[in-house]
Protein backbone atom coordinates (compact mmCIF):
# COMPACT_ATOMS: atom_id res chain seq x y z
CA MET A 1 192.27 133.64 -30.82
CA ILE A 2 192.98 131.42 -27.84
CA THR A 3 191.10 130.62 -24.67
CA SER A 4 192.96 131.10 -21.41
CA ARG A 5 193.83 127.98 -19.41
CA TRP A 6 195.79 129.93 -16.81
CA ARG A 7 194.40 130.60 -13.35
CA ALA A 8 196.62 133.64 -12.83
CA GLY A 9 195.26 137.16 -12.65
CA HIS A 10 194.81 139.43 -15.66
CA ALA A 11 198.32 140.89 -15.57
CA GLU A 12 200.12 137.59 -15.03
CA ALA A 13 198.12 135.71 -17.67
CA LEU A 14 198.08 138.24 -20.51
CA ALA A 15 201.73 138.22 -21.62
CA PRO A 16 201.99 134.39 -21.81
CA MET A 17 198.68 134.29 -23.72
CA VAL A 18 199.89 136.81 -26.30
CA ASP A 19 203.22 135.04 -26.64
CA ALA A 20 201.49 131.68 -27.19
CA LEU A 21 199.17 133.23 -29.74
CA MET A 22 202.04 134.74 -31.74
CA ARG A 23 204.03 131.52 -31.64
CA GLY A 24 201.01 129.53 -32.75
CA ALA A 25 200.43 131.88 -35.66
CA GLY A 26 204.08 131.80 -36.63
CA ILE A 27 204.30 135.61 -36.59
CA SER A 28 207.07 137.65 -35.00
CA PHE A 29 206.25 140.76 -32.99
CA ALA A 30 208.45 142.74 -35.39
CA ALA A 31 206.02 141.91 -38.20
CA LEU A 32 203.17 143.82 -36.54
CA ASP A 33 202.17 147.14 -38.11
CA ARG A 34 200.07 148.39 -35.20
CA ILE A 35 198.53 147.25 -31.93
CA ALA A 36 194.74 147.09 -31.48
CA VAL A 37 193.16 147.07 -28.01
CA THR A 38 189.66 147.47 -26.62
CA THR A 39 189.15 150.47 -24.37
CA GLY A 40 185.85 149.44 -22.77
CA PRO A 41 183.29 149.65 -21.46
CA GLY A 42 184.20 146.56 -19.46
CA THR A 43 185.71 145.53 -16.16
CA PHE A 44 187.91 148.14 -14.50
CA THR A 45 190.83 145.78 -13.94
CA GLY A 46 190.59 144.14 -17.34
CA GLN A 47 190.54 147.47 -19.15
CA ARG A 48 193.55 148.89 -17.29
CA VAL A 49 195.64 145.72 -17.64
CA GLY A 50 194.86 145.29 -21.33
CA LEU A 51 195.57 148.89 -22.18
CA ALA A 52 198.79 149.00 -20.14
CA PHE A 53 200.06 145.88 -21.90
CA ALA A 54 199.11 147.18 -25.37
CA ARG A 55 200.72 150.55 -24.74
CA ALA A 56 203.91 148.93 -23.43
CA LEU A 57 204.02 146.62 -26.45
CA GLY A 58 203.51 149.53 -28.82
CA LEU A 59 206.24 151.51 -27.08
CA GLY A 60 208.68 148.62 -27.24
CA LEU A 61 207.96 147.88 -30.89
CA LYS A 62 207.62 151.57 -31.86
CA ARG A 63 204.19 150.87 -33.31
CA PRO A 64 200.98 152.90 -32.96
CA VAL A 65 198.38 151.64 -30.49
CA ILE A 66 194.76 152.02 -31.58
CA GLY A 67 191.84 151.86 -29.16
CA VAL A 68 188.46 150.43 -30.17
CA THR A 69 185.41 150.36 -27.91
CA THR A 70 183.88 146.97 -27.17
CA LEU A 71 180.49 148.25 -28.32
CA ASP A 72 181.81 149.48 -31.66
CA ALA A 73 183.53 146.15 -32.27
CA MET A 74 180.34 144.19 -31.62
CA ALA A 75 178.17 146.50 -33.72
CA PHE A 76 180.69 146.31 -36.57
CA GLU A 77 180.71 142.50 -36.48
CA ALA A 78 176.93 142.42 -36.52
CA LEU A 79 176.81 144.64 -39.63
CA VAL A 80 179.45 142.57 -41.40
CA LYS A 81 177.37 139.46 -40.83
CA ARG A 82 174.05 141.12 -41.80
CA PRO A 83 174.98 143.88 -44.30
CA ALA A 84 171.41 144.25 -45.55
CA ILE A 85 170.48 146.05 -42.30
CA ALA A 86 171.60 149.68 -42.12
CA TRP A 87 172.58 149.99 -38.46
CA ALA A 88 173.42 148.04 -35.35
CA LEU A 89 172.89 148.67 -31.65
CA ALA A 90 175.40 147.13 -29.23
CA VAL A 91 174.04 146.72 -25.72
CA ALA A 92 176.00 145.29 -22.79
CA ASP A 93 174.68 144.42 -19.34
CA ALA A 94 176.08 146.93 -16.83
CA LYS A 95 174.20 145.41 -13.85
CA ARG A 96 172.04 147.47 -11.45
CA GLY A 97 169.30 147.69 -14.11
CA GLU A 98 171.58 149.63 -16.45
CA ILE A 99 173.18 148.93 -19.82
CA TYR A 100 176.07 150.26 -21.85
CA PHE A 101 175.05 151.00 -25.41
CA GLY A 102 176.35 152.42 -28.65
CA ALA A 103 175.20 152.43 -32.27
CA ARG A 104 176.97 152.11 -35.59
CA SER A 105 175.88 152.61 -39.22
CA VAL A 106 176.87 150.31 -42.05
CA VAL A 107 178.00 153.34 -44.09
CA GLY A 108 178.76 156.20 -41.70
CA GLY A 109 180.54 154.61 -38.77
CA THR A 110 179.60 155.51 -35.21
CA LEU A 111 176.07 156.87 -34.73
CA ILE A 112 176.05 156.99 -30.92
CA SER A 113 179.20 156.87 -28.81
CA PRO A 114 179.09 154.59 -25.74
CA GLU A 115 176.68 155.66 -23.00
CA LEU A 116 175.37 154.24 -19.72
CA VAL A 117 171.58 154.36 -19.30
CA PRO A 118 168.83 152.57 -17.38
CA LEU A 119 167.55 149.58 -19.36
CA GLU A 120 164.09 151.07 -19.77
CA ALA A 121 165.54 154.27 -21.28
CA ILE A 122 166.95 152.56 -24.37
CA VAL A 123 163.77 152.88 -26.43
CA GLU A 124 163.66 156.66 -26.05
CA ARG A 125 167.38 156.95 -26.85
CA VAL A 126 167.18 155.07 -30.17
CA ALA A 127 163.63 155.79 -31.36
CA CYS A 128 164.67 158.59 -33.71
CA LEU A 129 167.44 156.48 -35.21
CA ALA A 130 165.01 153.64 -35.80
CA GLN A 131 162.64 155.99 -37.61
CA SER A 132 165.37 157.27 -39.94
CA HIS A 133 167.42 154.05 -40.37
CA GLY A 134 164.79 151.31 -40.22
CA PRO A 135 165.27 147.83 -38.68
CA VAL A 136 168.13 147.47 -36.22
CA LEU A 137 170.60 144.68 -35.50
CA LEU A 138 171.24 143.92 -31.84
CA ALA A 139 174.54 142.73 -30.40
CA GLY A 140 175.91 142.30 -26.89
CA THR A 141 175.04 140.64 -23.60
CA ALA A 142 171.91 142.75 -23.05
CA ALA A 143 170.37 141.96 -26.46
CA ASP A 144 167.90 139.48 -24.99
CA SER A 145 166.63 142.15 -22.56
CA VAL A 146 166.52 145.00 -25.07
CA LYS A 147 164.82 143.15 -27.95
CA PRO A 148 161.35 142.81 -26.34
CA LEU A 149 161.42 146.47 -25.25
CA LEU A 150 162.07 147.60 -28.84
CA GLU A 151 159.39 145.25 -30.15
CA GLN A 152 156.83 146.57 -27.69
CA ALA A 153 157.62 150.10 -28.93
CA GLY A 154 156.88 149.04 -32.52
CA LEU A 155 160.51 148.98 -33.67
CA GLN A 156 162.07 146.16 -35.71
CA PRO A 157 165.03 144.58 -33.88
CA PHE A 158 166.93 141.57 -35.21
CA ASP A 159 169.37 139.62 -33.06
CA SER A 160 172.81 139.19 -34.64
CA MET A 161 173.74 136.66 -31.91
CA VAL A 162 177.00 138.56 -31.36
CA ARG A 163 177.58 138.67 -27.61
CA GLN A 164 181.26 139.56 -27.05
CA PRO A 165 183.82 141.62 -29.01
CA ASP A 166 185.86 139.48 -31.39
CA ALA A 167 189.56 140.27 -31.85
CA VAL A 168 189.21 139.90 -35.62
CA PHE A 169 186.78 142.82 -35.81
CA VAL A 170 188.70 144.89 -33.27
CA ALA A 171 191.75 144.51 -35.50
CA SER A 172 189.72 145.32 -38.63
CA LEU A 173 188.47 148.61 -37.16
CA ALA A 174 191.96 149.49 -35.91
CA THR A 175 193.49 148.84 -39.34
CA ASP A 176 191.64 151.75 -40.91
CA ALA A 177 191.71 154.09 -37.91
CA PRO A 178 194.06 157.10 -37.95
CA ASP A 179 197.01 157.19 -35.58
CA GLY A 180 196.46 159.25 -32.47
CA PRO A 181 197.49 159.66 -28.84
CA PRO A 182 197.76 156.48 -26.73
CA PRO A 183 194.27 155.16 -25.94
CA LYS A 184 192.81 155.48 -22.45
CA PRO A 185 190.26 153.31 -20.65
CA LEU A 186 186.64 154.27 -21.26
CA TYR A 187 184.91 154.45 -17.87
CA LEU A 188 181.21 155.24 -17.93
CA ARG A 189 180.67 154.54 -14.24
CA ALA A 190 182.71 155.38 -11.15
CA PRO A 191 184.45 152.40 -9.51
CA ASP A 192 182.72 150.69 -6.59
CA ALA A 193 185.94 150.55 -4.58
CA LYS A 194 186.75 153.66 -2.55
CA LEU A 195 190.04 154.67 -0.99
CA PRO A 196 190.06 154.40 2.83
CA GLY A 197 188.93 157.60 4.46
CA VAL A 198 187.46 159.06 1.23
CA VAL A 199 183.94 160.37 1.63
CA PRO A 200 181.82 160.13 -1.57
């Protein structure tokens, strides 16, 4: 993984970053078996640019492109780091008092697919899971906000300290995923920008 030093926009910066990464690793593009990409939830521009690049790369290399949600990747990493806990809850700050969340089990995969809810609604959404699965690992940028709410409700949250999806765990999930149609961006909220003359 590399950190961007370019000041260009998403589209202009992504291809040089990937090329530098491959060169640094000493791996040719032809050696890739499949392409892994996050589908969101995330920024609208970032999602579209990343997916468009991954799909173009897969088309050019004739390799399958596998989409992984950012929440699933974070929950998976948390469980890998703390395998004694049965499930993980990934929670990302969506602004406006809302969060994106999803849950994953250490043995059964996805428990809750990504959703957008008000922050205060998270306890009600996961209470039944907590009763059946026990203590929960938290991951994501909203973990610090969610943890006290779960504690006040009598649940047992533990912070994994995972805050962003890691490419290693995105790739790991994509490795075992079945091939399918090209992935699409996961939008859980309508964009703020409106076309001129369009009435909501």
